[in-house]
Every structure is written in structure tokens, then in C-alpha cells.
N, C-alpha and C. Protein backbone atom coordinates (compact mmCIF):
# COMPACT_ATOMS: atom_id res chain seq x y z
N MET A 1 -18.09 -3.27 9.19
CA MET A 1 -17.17 -4.34 9.45
C MET A 1 -16.00 -4.38 8.57
N ALA A 2 -14.55 -4.54 8.78
CA ALA A 2 -13.62 -4.77 7.87
C ALA A 2 -13.67 -5.45 7.06
N HIS A 3 -12.66 -5.45 5.83
CA HIS A 3 -12.44 -6.15 5.09
C HIS A 3 -11.56 -7.22 5.29
N LEU A 4 -11.83 -8.40 5.02
CA LEU A 4 -10.48 -9.34 5.11
C LEU A 4 -10.29 -9.66 3.85
N LEU A 5 -8.69 -9.95 3.62
CA LEU A 5 -8.60 -10.40 2.12
C LEU A 5 -8.51 -11.82 2.66
N GLY A 6 -9.40 -12.88 1.90
CA GLY A 6 -9.33 -14.10 2.30
C GLY A 6 -8.36 -15.11 1.42
N GLY A 7 -8.66 -16.38 1.00
CA GLY A 7 -7.89 -17.49 0.92
C GLY A 7 -7.08 -17.13 -0.25
N SER A 8 -7.25 -16.17 -1.32
CA SER A 8 -6.43 -16.21 -2.68
C SER A 8 -5.81 -15.74 -2.46
N LEU A 9 -5.77 -14.30 -1.88
CA LEU A 9 -4.51 -13.15 -1.59
C LEU A 9 -3.42 -13.78 -0.62
N THR A 10 -3.61 -14.53 0.45
CA THR A 10 -3.11 -14.98 1.65
C THR A 10 -2.31 -16.46 0.87
N LEU A 11 -2.79 -17.09 0.34
CA LEU A 11 -2.41 -17.83 -0.59
C LEU A 11 -1.27 -17.60 -1.68
N LEU A 12 -1.99 -16.60 -2.20
CA LEU A 12 -0.45 -15.92 -3.03
C LEU A 12 0.72 -15.75 -2.90
N THR A 13 0.43 -15.08 -1.43
CA THR A 13 1.32 -14.40 -0.85
C THR A 13 2.22 -15.42 -0.43
N GLY A 14 2.08 -16.89 0.25
CA GLY A 14 2.33 -18.04 0.69
C GLY A 14 3.20 -18.53 -0.39
N LEU A 15 2.59 -18.55 -1.72
CA LEU A 15 3.33 -19.39 -2.84
C LEU A 15 4.26 -18.42 -3.24
N ILE A 16 4.09 -17.46 -3.11
CA ILE A 16 5.74 -16.18 -3.90
C ILE A 16 6.61 -16.07 -2.81
N GLY A 17 6.10 -16.47 -1.45
CA GLY A 17 7.16 -16.05 -0.64
C GLY A 17 7.44 -14.62 -0.36
N LEU A 18 8.44 -14.19 0.21
CA LEU A 18 8.32 -12.75 0.95
C LEU A 18 10.00 -12.50 0.40
N ALA A 19 10.82 -11.70 -0.05
CA ALA A 19 12.11 -11.57 -0.01
C ALA A 19 12.71 -10.73 1.30
N GLY A 20 13.99 -10.86 1.12
CA GLY A 20 14.67 -10.89 2.29
C GLY A 20 14.72 -9.25 2.37
N PRO A 21 15.52 -8.45 2.87
CA PRO A 21 15.10 -7.08 3.18
C PRO A 21 15.14 -6.04 1.87
N ALA A 22 14.34 -5.30 2.49
CA ALA A 22 14.17 -4.44 1.33
C ALA A 22 15.04 -2.98 0.54
N VAL A 23 15.20 -2.63 -0.43
CA VAL A 23 16.34 -2.04 -1.08
C VAL A 23 16.71 -1.08 0.40
N ALA A 24 17.69 -0.68 -0.20
CA ALA A 24 18.12 0.45 1.07
C ALA A 24 17.81 1.70 0.19
N GLY A 25 17.81 2.77 1.33
CA GLY A 25 17.50 4.60 0.91
C GLY A 25 16.02 4.90 1.65
N ALA A 26 16.25 5.56 2.66
CA ALA A 26 15.00 5.87 3.66
C ALA A 26 14.26 6.45 2.39
N ALA A 27 14.99 7.42 1.89
CA ALA A 27 14.30 8.51 1.14
C ALA A 27 13.45 8.09 -0.07
N GLY A 28 12.64 8.40 -0.28
CA GLY A 28 11.52 8.01 -1.60
C GLY A 28 11.61 6.56 -1.70
N TRP A 29 11.21 5.89 -3.14
CA TRP A 29 10.91 4.89 -3.65
C TRP A 29 12.62 3.95 -3.68
N GLY A 30 12.15 2.91 -3.15
CA GLY A 30 13.69 1.95 -3.66
C GLY A 30 13.01 0.67 -4.23
N LEU A 31 13.43 0.46 -5.47
CA LEU A 31 13.29 -0.72 -6.40
C LEU A 31 13.94 -2.21 -6.30
N GLU A 32 13.22 -2.96 -6.24
CA GLU A 32 13.27 -4.36 -5.91
C GLU A 32 15.07 -4.54 -6.54
N ALA A 33 16.37 -4.94 -5.85
CA ALA A 33 17.28 -5.03 -6.00
C ALA A 33 17.57 -6.33 -7.13
N ASN A 34 18.70 -6.08 -8.11
CA ASN A 34 19.37 -7.09 -8.83
C ASN A 34 18.32 -7.96 -9.51
N VAL A 35 17.57 -7.25 -10.32
CA VAL A 35 16.68 -7.86 -11.45
C VAL A 35 16.59 -6.63 -12.67
N ALA A 36 16.29 -7.55 -13.67
CA ALA A 36 15.55 -6.71 -14.99
C ALA A 36 14.63 -5.60 -15.02
N SER A 37 13.85 -6.67 -14.48
CA SER A 37 12.51 -6.04 -14.39
C SER A 37 11.79 -6.40 -13.12
N PRO A 38 12.13 -5.00 -12.27
CA PRO A 38 11.67 -4.78 -10.57
C PRO A 38 9.90 -5.30 -10.44
N SER A 39 9.51 -5.94 -9.88
CA SER A 39 7.79 -6.11 -9.32
C SER A 39 8.20 -5.14 -8.27
N TYR A 40 8.63 -4.85 -7.46
CA TYR A 40 7.93 -3.78 -6.48
C TYR A 40 8.72 -2.67 -6.26
N ALA A 41 8.27 -1.58 -5.45
CA ALA A 41 9.20 -0.85 -5.24
C ALA A 41 8.67 -0.59 -3.37
N VAL A 42 9.38 -0.02 -2.90
CA VAL A 42 9.18 0.25 -1.22
C VAL A 42 9.58 1.65 -0.79
N ALA A 43 9.10 2.35 0.21
CA ALA A 43 9.42 3.56 0.62
C ALA A 43 8.96 3.60 2.14
N GLU A 44 9.45 4.22 2.89
CA GLU A 44 9.46 4.35 4.09
C GLU A 44 8.22 5.89 4.18
N PRO A 45 7.46 5.71 5.24
CA PRO A 45 7.15 7.23 5.00
C PRO A 45 7.93 8.26 5.75
N THR A 46 7.43 9.64 5.11
CA THR A 46 8.78 10.90 5.67
C THR A 46 7.88 11.36 6.48
N SER A 47 6.67 10.86 6.94
CA SER A 47 6.20 10.86 8.15
C SER A 47 4.33 10.08 8.50
N THR A 48 4.64 10.00 9.38
CA THR A 48 3.28 9.14 9.80
C THR A 48 3.12 8.81 11.41
N ASP A 49 2.03 9.32 11.95
CA ASP A 49 1.86 8.74 12.86
C ASP A 49 1.01 7.38 13.73
N LEU A 50 0.90 6.74 12.31
CA LEU A 50 0.28 5.16 12.56
C LEU A 50 1.88 4.22 12.79
N ASN A 51 1.12 2.85 12.88
CA ASN A 51 2.49 1.86 12.86
C ASN A 51 2.63 1.45 11.30
N VAL A 52 2.71 2.06 10.74
CA VAL A 52 3.26 1.81 8.98
C VAL A 52 4.31 1.76 8.92
N ASP A 53 4.95 0.82 8.78
CA ASP A 53 7.05 0.89 8.17
C ASP A 53 7.34 0.93 7.59
N ALA A 54 6.44 0.32 6.56
CA ALA A 54 7.10 1.21 4.46
C ALA A 54 5.36 0.60 4.00
N VAL A 55 5.99 1.51 2.68
CA VAL A 55 4.46 1.48 1.51
C VAL A 55 4.90 1.01 0.56
N VAL A 56 4.61 -0.28 -0.22
CA VAL A 56 5.05 -0.95 -1.55
C VAL A 56 3.99 -1.02 -2.26
N LEU A 57 4.60 -0.88 -3.10
CA LEU A 57 3.99 -1.02 -4.61
C LEU A 57 4.40 -2.52 -5.15
N SER A 58 3.27 -3.26 -5.34
CA SER A 58 4.03 -4.51 -5.91
C SER A 58 2.85 -4.83 -7.32
N CYS A 59 3.67 -5.35 -8.01
CA CYS A 59 2.72 -6.13 -9.16
C CYS A 59 2.16 -7.87 -8.61
N GLU A 60 0.83 -7.64 -8.78
CA GLU A 60 0.34 -8.96 -8.56
C GLU A 60 -0.66 -9.33 -9.42
N GLN A 61 -0.98 -10.57 -9.64
CA GLN A 61 -2.38 -11.17 -10.57
C GLN A 61 -3.64 -11.11 -9.89
N GLY A 62 -4.67 -10.36 -11.17
CA GLY A 62 -5.70 -10.74 -10.48
C GLY A 62 -6.62 -11.81 -11.57
N ALA A 63 -7.88 -11.91 -11.57
CA ALA A 63 -8.46 -13.03 -11.83
C ALA A 63 -8.17 -12.81 -13.37
N GLY A 64 -8.34 -11.66 -14.26
CA GLY A 64 -7.95 -11.64 -15.58
C GLY A 64 -6.75 -10.92 -16.44
N ARG A 65 -6.35 -10.15 -15.00
CA ARG A 65 -5.34 -9.33 -15.66
C ARG A 65 -4.39 -9.19 -14.17
N ARG A 66 -3.17 -8.89 -14.71
CA ARG A 66 -1.84 -8.12 -13.74
C ARG A 66 -2.30 -6.43 -13.25
N GLY A 67 -1.83 -5.95 -12.25
CA GLY A 67 -1.82 -5.10 -11.69
C GLY A 67 -0.94 -4.49 -10.88
N VAL A 68 -1.21 -3.21 -9.95
CA VAL A 68 -0.45 -2.90 -9.20
C VAL A 68 -1.23 -2.68 -7.98
N GLN A 69 -0.44 -3.19 -6.90
CA GLN A 69 -1.16 -3.56 -5.34
C GLN A 69 0.03 -2.48 -4.44
N LEU A 70 -1.08 -1.78 -3.86
CA LEU A 70 -0.63 -0.66 -2.83
C LEU A 70 -1.05 -1.44 -1.16
N ARG A 71 0.59 -1.83 -0.55
CA ARG A 71 0.50 -2.18 0.25
C ARG A 71 1.05 -2.04 1.64
N LEU A 72 0.91 -1.58 2.57
CA LEU A 72 1.06 -1.01 3.62
C LEU A 72 1.76 -2.13 5.15
N TYR A 73 2.87 -2.31 4.89
CA TYR A 73 3.66 -3.48 6.40
C TYR A 73 4.14 -2.71 7.30
N LEU A 74 2.98 -3.12 8.42
CA LEU A 74 3.12 -2.34 10.10
C LEU A 74 4.64 -2.99 10.72
N SER A 75 4.51 -1.98 11.55
CA SER A 75 5.83 -2.40 12.26
C SER A 75 5.45 -2.98 13.72
N GLY A 76 5.79 -3.86 13.82
CA GLY A 76 5.23 -5.19 15.46
C GLY A 76 3.98 -5.35 14.85
N ALA A 77 3.49 -6.42 15.91
CA ALA A 77 1.98 -7.65 15.20
C ALA A 77 1.32 -6.23 15.88
N GLY A 78 -0.14 -6.31 15.45
CA GLY A 78 -1.01 -5.78 15.68
C GLY A 78 -1.63 -5.27 14.47
N PRO A 79 -3.07 -4.69 15.29
CA PRO A 79 -3.74 -3.78 13.85
C PRO A 79 -3.01 -2.64 13.08
N LEU A 80 -3.51 -2.37 12.07
CA LEU A 80 -3.17 -0.82 11.71
C LEU A 80 -3.70 0.11 12.60
N ALA A 81 -3.19 0.95 13.18
CA ALA A 81 -3.62 1.72 14.24
C ALA A 81 -2.77 3.18 14.23
N PRO A 82 -3.55 4.49 15.04
CA PRO A 82 -2.39 5.18 15.66
C PRO A 82 -1.45 4.90 16.95
N LYS A 83 -0.46 5.38 16.93
CA LYS A 83 0.70 5.11 17.67
C LYS A 83 0.71 5.36 18.95
N ALA A 84 -0.21 6.74 19.12
CA ALA A 84 -0.68 7.15 20.07
C ALA A 84 -1.59 6.21 21.25
N ALA A 85 -1.99 6.85 22.40
CA ALA A 85 -2.41 5.90 23.20
C ALA A 85 -3.72 4.86 22.44
N ALA A 86 -3.74 3.81 22.94
CA ALA A 86 -4.58 2.81 22.32
C ALA A 86 -6.05 3.10 23.23
N ALA A 87 -6.74 2.98 21.82
CA ALA A 87 -8.51 3.08 21.74
C ALA A 87 -8.70 2.21 20.81
N ALA A 88 -10.32 2.25 21.15
CA ALA A 88 -11.46 1.17 20.39
C ALA A 88 -11.28 1.50 18.56
N LEU A 89 -10.69 0.48 18.06
CA LEU A 89 -10.93 0.45 16.84
C LEU A 89 -12.06 0.44 15.59
N LYS A 90 -12.60 0.73 15.12
CA LYS A 90 -13.76 0.75 13.80
C LYS A 90 -14.11 -0.56 13.10
N ASP A 91 -14.97 -0.90 13.28
CA ASP A 91 -15.28 -2.03 12.28
C ASP A 91 -15.42 -1.99 10.89
N ASP A 92 -15.27 -0.65 10.73
CA ASP A 92 -15.31 -0.14 9.57
C ASP A 92 -14.52 1.04 9.23
N PRO A 93 -13.11 0.61 9.30
CA PRO A 93 -12.20 2.44 9.11
C PRO A 93 -11.94 2.21 7.48
N LYS A 94 -11.90 3.94 7.37
CA LYS A 94 -11.68 4.44 5.98
C LYS A 94 -10.95 4.75 5.59
N VAL A 95 -10.67 5.45 4.48
CA VAL A 95 -9.15 5.93 4.31
C VAL A 95 -9.60 6.83 2.95
N GLU A 96 -8.45 7.72 2.63
CA GLU A 96 -8.70 8.41 1.64
C GLU A 96 -7.32 8.52 0.99
N LEU A 97 -7.04 8.50 -0.02
CA LEU A 97 -5.65 9.06 -0.82
C LEU A 97 -5.47 10.35 -1.41
N ALA A 98 -4.63 10.86 -1.13
CA ALA A 98 -4.46 12.10 -1.54
C ALA A 98 -3.03 12.42 -2.28
N VAL A 99 -2.74 12.65 -3.66
CA VAL A 99 -1.95 13.04 -4.29
C VAL A 99 -1.82 14.86 -4.58
N ASP A 100 -0.82 15.63 -4.10
CA ASP A 100 -0.67 16.74 -4.42
C ASP A 100 -1.90 17.81 -3.56
N GLY A 101 -2.58 16.71 -2.80
CA GLY A 101 -3.59 17.63 -2.21
C GLY A 101 -4.91 17.71 -2.54
N VAL A 102 -5.43 16.89 -3.74
CA VAL A 102 -6.32 16.21 -4.56
C VAL A 102 -6.66 14.85 -4.40
N SER A 103 -8.07 14.57 -3.18
CA SER A 103 -8.08 13.28 -2.80
C SER A 103 -9.21 12.72 -3.28
N GLN A 104 -9.15 11.32 -2.99
CA GLN A 104 -10.41 10.27 -3.53
C GLN A 104 -10.23 9.63 -2.34
N THR A 105 -11.63 8.38 -2.50
CA THR A 105 -11.50 7.44 -1.33
C THR A 105 -10.81 6.14 -2.04
N ALA A 106 -10.76 5.31 -1.20
CA ALA A 106 -10.12 4.04 -1.51
C ALA A 106 -10.64 2.86 -0.51
N GLU A 107 -10.53 1.73 -0.36
CA GLU A 107 -10.74 0.72 0.12
C GLU A 107 -9.59 0.44 1.25
N LEU A 108 -9.61 -0.10 2.24
CA LEU A 108 -9.12 -0.90 3.23
C LEU A 108 -9.18 -2.24 3.34
N LEU A 109 -8.46 -3.50 2.93
CA LEU A 109 -8.30 -4.74 2.98
C LEU A 109 -6.91 -5.54 4.27
N PHE A 110 -7.58 -6.05 4.65
CA PHE A 110 -6.34 -6.73 6.05
C PHE A 110 -6.12 -8.08 5.49
N ALA A 111 -4.98 -8.17 5.28
CA ALA A 111 -4.38 -9.59 5.49
C ALA A 111 -3.94 -9.75 6.57
N ASP A 112 -3.25 -10.98 6.57
CA ASP A 112 -2.61 -11.76 7.88
C ASP A 112 -1.20 -10.84 8.52
N ASP A 113 -0.22 -10.10 7.30
CA ASP A 113 0.71 -9.81 7.63
C ASP A 113 1.07 -8.07 7.16
N PHE A 114 -0.15 -7.53 6.52
CA PHE A 114 -0.11 -6.27 5.87
C PHE A 114 -1.63 -5.69 5.72
N VAL A 115 -1.45 -4.28 5.29
CA VAL A 115 -2.94 -3.91 4.61
C VAL A 115 -3.07 -3.72 3.01
N VAL A 116 -4.03 -3.56 2.30
CA VAL A 116 -4.04 -3.18 1.26
C VAL A 116 -4.97 -1.68 1.37
N VAL A 117 -4.47 -0.81 0.27
CA VAL A 117 -5.16 -0.08 -0.22
C VAL A 117 -5.43 -0.11 -1.48
N ALA A 118 -7.06 0.35 -1.64
CA ALA A 118 -7.17 -0.22 -3.36
C ALA A 118 -8.23 0.53 -3.22
N ASP A 119 -8.35 1.29 -4.73
CA ASP A 119 -9.60 1.87 -5.14
C ASP A 119 -10.08 1.31 -6.78
N THR A 120 -10.13 -0.20 -7.09
CA THR A 120 -10.08 -0.89 -8.10
C THR A 120 -9.96 -2.19 -7.43
N ALA A 121 -10.80 -3.45 -8.51
CA ALA A 121 -10.07 -4.83 -8.20
C ALA A 121 -10.41 -5.61 -9.90
N ASP A 122 -10.14 -6.64 -9.88
CA ASP A 122 -9.52 -7.37 -10.71
C ASP A 122 -10.28 -8.50 -10.11
N GLY A 123 -11.85 -8.67 -10.33
CA GLY A 123 -12.09 -10.10 -9.38
C GLY A 123 -12.23 -9.54 -8.30
N ALA A 124 -11.37 -10.80 -7.14
CA ALA A 124 -11.46 -10.54 -6.15
C ALA A 124 -10.40 -9.94 -5.30
N MET A 125 -9.12 -9.44 -6.24
CA MET A 125 -7.77 -9.28 -6.31
C MET A 125 -8.29 -7.50 -5.94
N PRO A 126 -7.20 -7.05 -5.13
CA PRO A 126 -7.58 -5.41 -5.14
C PRO A 126 -6.28 -4.85 -5.79
N LEU A 127 -6.71 -3.56 -6.93
CA LEU A 127 -5.59 -3.16 -7.23
C LEU A 127 -5.52 -1.49 -6.97
N LEU A 128 -5.01 -0.77 -7.75
CA LEU A 128 -4.98 0.57 -7.81
C LEU A 128 -5.21 0.64 -9.27
N SER A 129 -6.10 1.98 -9.50
CA SER A 129 -6.51 2.16 -10.93
C SER A 129 -5.24 2.72 -11.82
N ASP A 130 -5.40 2.56 -13.10
CA ASP A 130 -4.33 3.16 -14.07
C ASP A 130 -4.62 4.81 -13.76
N ALA A 131 -5.75 5.41 -13.80
CA ALA A 131 -5.82 6.44 -13.12
C ALA A 131 -4.83 7.20 -12.19
N PHE A 132 -5.34 6.48 -10.97
CA PHE A 132 -4.58 6.83 -9.67
C PHE A 132 -2.97 6.47 -9.95
N LEU A 133 -2.70 5.62 -10.55
CA LEU A 133 -1.36 5.32 -10.96
C LEU A 133 -0.69 6.21 -11.57
N ASP A 134 -1.19 7.03 -12.86
CA ASP A 134 -0.86 8.22 -13.15
C ASP A 134 -0.44 9.40 -12.31
N LYS A 135 -1.81 9.40 -11.46
CA LYS A 135 -1.44 10.85 -10.10
C LYS A 135 0.11 10.03 -9.72
N LEU A 136 0.11 9.08 -9.23
CA LEU A 136 1.23 8.82 -8.16
C LEU A 136 2.67 8.56 -8.97
N GLN A 137 2.42 8.49 -10.39
CA GLN A 137 3.93 8.64 -11.18
C GLN A 137 4.47 10.01 -11.39
N ALA A 138 3.11 10.78 -11.80
CA ALA A 138 3.55 12.50 -11.85
C ALA A 138 3.66 12.92 -10.58
N GLY A 139 3.23 12.72 -9.72
CA GLY A 139 2.83 13.50 -8.43
C GLY A 139 4.08 13.50 -7.52
N ARG A 140 3.84 14.10 -6.46
CA ARG A 140 5.45 14.72 -5.77
C ARG A 140 4.64 14.33 -4.04
N ARG A 141 4.03 14.09 -3.58
CA ARG A 141 3.27 13.96 -2.23
C ARG A 141 2.38 12.99 -1.97
N LEU A 142 2.28 11.76 -1.54
CA LEU A 142 1.19 11.31 -1.17
C LEU A 142 0.60 11.07 0.16
N GLU A 143 -0.24 11.29 0.67
CA GLU A 143 -1.13 11.46 1.90
C GLU A 143 -1.85 10.39 1.69
N LEU A 144 -1.39 9.43 2.89
CA LEU A 144 -2.97 8.63 3.18
C LEU A 144 -3.47 9.23 4.36
N ARG A 145 -4.77 8.98 4.17
CA ARG A 145 -5.29 9.91 5.48
C ARG A 145 -6.52 8.53 6.03
N PHE A 146 -6.73 8.49 7.54
CA PHE A 146 -7.36 7.43 8.03
C PHE A 146 -8.30 7.55 9.13
N ASP A 147 -9.35 7.04 8.90
CA ASP A 147 -10.51 7.04 10.44
C ASP A 147 -10.61 5.57 10.74
N LEU A 148 -10.17 5.52 11.58
CA LEU A 148 -9.56 4.00 12.29
C LEU A 148 -10.20 3.89 13.58
N VAL A 149 -10.57 5.17 14.08
CA VAL A 149 -10.56 4.91 15.86
C VAL A 149 -11.78 5.69 16.15
N GLN A 150 -12.77 4.09 17.01
CA GLN A 150 -14.34 5.09 16.95
C GLN A 150 -14.33 6.19 17.69
N GLU A 151 -15.54 7.45 17.01
CA GLU A 151 -16.02 8.83 17.77
C GLU A 151 -16.32 8.69 19.09
N PRO A 152 -16.25 9.27 20.18
CA PRO A 152 -17.39 9.18 21.10
C PRO A 152 -18.59 9.13 20.58
N ARG A 153 -20.09 9.17 20.97
CA ARG A 153 -21.12 9.06 20.13
C ARG A 153 -21.82 10.21 20.05
N GLY A 154 -22.05 10.56 18.54
CA GLY A 154 -22.66 12.11 18.67
C GLY A 154 -21.33 12.77 17.91
N GLU A 155 -20.10 12.57 17.81
CA GLU A 155 -19.43 13.19 17.44
C GLU A 155 -18.97 12.77 15.77
N ALA A 156 -19.05 13.85 14.56
CA ALA A 156 -18.85 12.94 13.44
C ALA A 156 -17.55 12.53 13.29
N PRO A 157 -17.61 11.40 11.96
CA PRO A 157 -16.24 10.33 11.69
C PRO A 157 -15.29 11.79 11.62
N SER A 158 -14.07 11.40 11.93
CA SER A 158 -12.86 12.15 11.63
C SER A 158 -11.34 11.62 11.13
N PHE A 159 -10.41 11.97 10.42
CA PHE A 159 -9.40 11.35 10.31
C PHE A 159 -8.37 11.44 11.48
N ASP A 160 -8.38 10.48 11.75
CA ASP A 160 -7.25 10.18 12.74
C ASP A 160 -5.57 9.71 12.57
N GLY A 161 -5.26 9.38 11.82
CA GLY A 161 -3.92 9.24 11.36
C GLY A 161 -3.68 9.47 9.89
N SER A 162 -2.34 9.09 9.39
CA SER A 162 -1.89 9.72 8.12
C SER A 162 -0.28 9.44 8.06
N ALA A 163 -0.05 8.60 6.84
CA ALA A 163 1.31 8.72 6.44
C ALA A 163 1.71 9.18 5.11
N VAL A 164 2.53 9.80 5.12
CA VAL A 164 3.33 10.62 3.57
C VAL A 164 4.46 10.42 3.10
N VAL A 165 4.10 10.50 1.82
CA VAL A 165 5.55 9.59 0.93
C VAL A 165 5.77 10.68 0.20
N ASP A 166 7.45 11.04 0.25
CA ASP A 166 7.34 11.13 -1.19
C ASP A 166 7.87 11.14 -1.95
N LEU A 167 7.08 11.27 -3.09
CA LEU A 167 7.08 10.16 -4.59
C LEU A 167 8.05 11.04 -5.47
N GLN A 168 8.66 11.95 -5.21
CA GLN A 168 10.16 12.35 -5.85
C GLN A 168 11.13 12.14 -5.63
N ALA A 169 11.38 11.39 -4.53
CA ALA A 169 12.33 11.45 -3.35
C ALA A 169 13.08 10.05 -4.54
N GLY A 170 14.35 10.05 -4.39
CA GLY A 170 15.03 8.76 -5.08
C GLY A 170 14.77 8.43 -6.21
N PRO A 171 14.31 7.49 -7.33
CA PRO A 171 13.77 7.53 -8.26
C PRO A 171 12.69 8.11 -8.47
N GLY A 172 11.53 8.91 -8.04
CA GLY A 172 10.47 8.81 -8.37
C GLY A 172 9.51 8.28 -9.12
N GLY A 173 9.00 8.87 -9.83
CA GLY A 173 8.06 8.13 -10.55
C GLY A 173 8.24 7.37 -11.34
N ARG A 174 9.78 7.33 -11.95
CA ARG A 174 10.62 5.94 -12.47
C ARG A 174 10.30 4.63 -11.68
N ALA A 175 9.64 4.97 -10.30
CA ALA A 175 9.60 4.03 -9.39
C ALA A 175 8.51 3.05 -9.81
N VAL A 176 7.58 3.83 -9.96
CA VAL A 176 6.12 3.66 -10.71
C VAL A 176 6.22 3.38 -11.83
N ALA A 177 6.56 3.89 -12.42
CA ALA A 177 6.46 3.43 -14.11
C ALA A 177 7.43 1.88 -14.10
N ALA A 178 8.08 1.43 -13.39
CA ALA A 178 9.17 0.32 -13.42
C ALA A 178 8.11 -0.91 -12.54
N VAL A 179 7.40 -0.74 -11.75
CA VAL A 179 6.08 -1.31 -11.56
C VAL A 179 5.19 -1.57 -12.28
N ARG A 180 4.62 -0.60 -13.01
CA ARG A 180 3.73 -0.49 -13.91
C ARG A 180 4.36 -1.52 -15.23
N ARG A 181 5.11 -1.47 -15.33
CA ARG A 181 5.73 -2.40 -16.34
C ARG A 181 5.54 -3.38 -16.15
N CYS A 182 6.07 -4.00 -14.92
CA CYS A 182 6.06 -5.57 -14.58
C CYS A 182 4.59 -5.82 -14.78
N ALA A 183 3.29 -5.01 -14.62
CA ALA A 183 1.99 -5.59 -14.23
C ALA A 183 1.63 -5.75 -15.90
N ALA A 184 2.22 -4.67 -17.12
CA ALA A 184 1.87 -4.81 -18.32
C ALA A 184 2.77 -5.74 -19.20
N GLU A 185 3.59 -6.80 -18.21
CA GLU A 185 4.42 -8.00 -18.88
C GLU A 185 3.48 -9.31 -19.10
N PRO A 186 3.62 -9.85 -20.31
CA PRO A 186 2.58 -11.04 -20.41
C PRO A 186 3.40 -12.66 -19.49
N THR A 187 4.96 -11.93 -19.21
CA THR A 187 5.17 -13.63 -18.50
C THR A 187 4.25 -13.13 -16.93
N GLN A 188 4.51 -14.35 -16.32
CA GLN A 188 4.22 -14.12 -14.75
C GLN A 188 5.32 -14.09 -14.14
N HIS A 189 5.23 -12.42 -13.55
CA HIS A 189 6.81 -12.28 -12.65
C HIS A 189 5.92 -11.00 -12.00
N LEU A 190 5.63 -11.78 -10.90
CA LEU A 190 4.83 -11.41 -9.68
C LEU A 190 5.96 -10.81 -8.88
N ALA A 191 5.64 -10.05 -7.90
CA ALA A 191 6.13 -9.29 -6.62
C ALA A 191 6.40 -10.51 -5.31
N GLU A 192 7.33 -10.64 -5.28
CA GLU A 192 8.25 -11.02 -3.75
C GLU A 192 8.26 -9.84 -2.95
N THR A 193 7.07 -9.36 -1.96
CA THR A 193 8.03 -7.79 -1.59
C THR A 193 7.91 -8.27 -0.12
N PRO A 194 8.53 -7.23 0.49
CA PRO A 194 9.58 -7.63 1.91
C PRO A 194 8.64 -7.59 2.75
N ARG A 195 8.59 -7.90 3.64
CA ARG A 195 7.57 -8.16 4.80
C ARG A 195 8.01 -6.85 5.67
N GLY A 196 8.49 -6.42 5.58
CA GLY A 196 8.97 -4.99 6.51
C GLY A 196 10.23 -4.49 6.36
N ARG A 197 10.85 -3.90 6.98
CA ARG A 197 11.91 -3.20 6.73
C ARG A 197 12.56 -3.20 8.60
């Protein structure tokens, strides 16, 4: 069964609100504008066959610490799904993260208007690990590979969708570092991430 993000994350999103339009610039990361310490970075996928409109790194508060979260904002209403023909979606979808071809598994969690991809957590708050953020900061290419669609009986699970982000376009690793600095700050400066692009 798919993991649903319950009240704490939905409430947090409602309390902090969502900012207006995302930062301009379609290539690479765009940082939150007009602030001294950006709390989020946004990128449009360079390629995707899914209904993913924007990939967002955001500074979020967990139970005992702040960290960075990876969110996928979708184009239009509906679940995360391939753009192609309608197909039955799995109750337990899977995701794999690959930076420069080196893969690792992660968890998919679903909120009302975005999807979170995480490889660790602080209490109930899904986050990205420092080790994975190191890879994002230094890497050139992030590929998110998804297994979302039910396979015919007897067929092995396989990836049926992906989204690719150019990690070095625009400010590149400096954007990841800026959001990480927000997560390390002692003050309550949380992301007011855009709803989409």
C-alpha cells in the first residue's frame, strides 16, 4: 500500500503556506528569490514521461532537527503516473534514485498536492540523508526511476517512468548547498515552496 503523509506534514504545509510563482529559469535549480537564505530550490525535469512538473528541494522541520526534503509537484490533478495510456497503478509503488548512474532505493510518500521522495526520516518527517545530499551537491545528473504501474500477472516488476534533473545547470551544487544551509540554521526558517510551475 502507498504511504500517505498524514496530518503533521499536511498541517505543516497549510501553516507555512505556499509561495507564489517559482523562480524563473527552466534549466537547472532556481533558488527562492529575494531572500538572504533560500529555503527551497526548484528545477524542471530536463526529461520525464511522468506528470511531474517540478522537483523541489525544501528546508523542513522534523521531530528533532531540520533537514532537506525532495518533493515532486505534479502537473494537473491526479496521482503520480505515466503520461502515456491510462493503466492500473500499484498500491505499493517504488522509486530508485540514481546520481551519475549510481542507484539507491528510497521511499515514496504522498501528500495532498505533492509527492515526497526520501531515503531517511526524522520521526514522521521524511527527509534526504546527508550522504545523498552530498551526491546531489557534487553530481551532474539525477534520475528518479519509478515502478508505478501494475504488471500483468507473472511478469516481474520493472521501472515504467522516470524524471531527469540536470544537477549542474544554473547554480548547480551551490543551490543544494544553499538549501542545506537553511536546514543547518538555528532559526525557524522553513520552506514556503511553490505549488508548481
